[in-house]
Structures are given as structure tokens and as C-alpha cells.
């Protein structure tokens, strides 16, 4: 995280966006509204973000796009996600103007959803 922290401070950043793609997730976890709600609550605790209201978790779509989608407002922005039933993948986005550790969030997310590996992309917002 040191390089992200340094870059964040050096560039006088407004926020940090992390996009986490998780592969080969546990099908039972990504198809469970309750598990997704538990996940976002635990993630917020881990990265020290304060939830604003209840998480919105809705199942919709057909075929390739079918699965739950998640939106959780946080006091410093939001966490969103889509869980693809057809491929057992999870796509999580965390945006916050409060600095957090994206690697820590990605590892936790992969472990929570039982994935085999993940891809993390980060972007400093100015």
C-alpha cells in the first residue's frame, strides 16, 4: 500500500477507486443476499468506512448478467458490486475520499467469497 499512499498524498488526491475482479467464487456465497450483506458490513469494518443506511442487494438479469447487485453508501462515497451467477465471478468497486488499503480489501473479498484469485485495479481520483 505504501506506493498508493505516497501517490495519494503526492497528488493531493480527492479519492481512491479500487476495482476488484474475483474468480471462481463459491456459488452459494455469491447467490446469497444474506452473505453479501454480511460481506459489505465486514468489509466496511475492515477498511474503517462508516455505512450510511442499509445495503441495497437486488437479484436481476438473465444469462450472463444474472446475479445479485450491491450498493452500499458510505460516508465517504460508496461500495458497489455485481455477482455473476453464470461465471461465479464477483466484481467489486470501492470508491472513497478516505484513504484505505486496496490490497487488504481485495484479499478479504477473495477469501470471503471463496475465490481462487483476483485482479485489482486502482485509480487515484483528483
Foldseek 3Di string as FASTA:
>chain_A
DVVVVVVCVVVVFQKKKKKKKFAPFDLVQQQDPVNVQVLVVVLCVVFVWAWDDGKDWDFDDDDQQTGIKIWTATPFGIKIWTQGNNGRMIIIMDMGSDDGDNVVSNVSVNVSRVGPDMDMDMDTHD
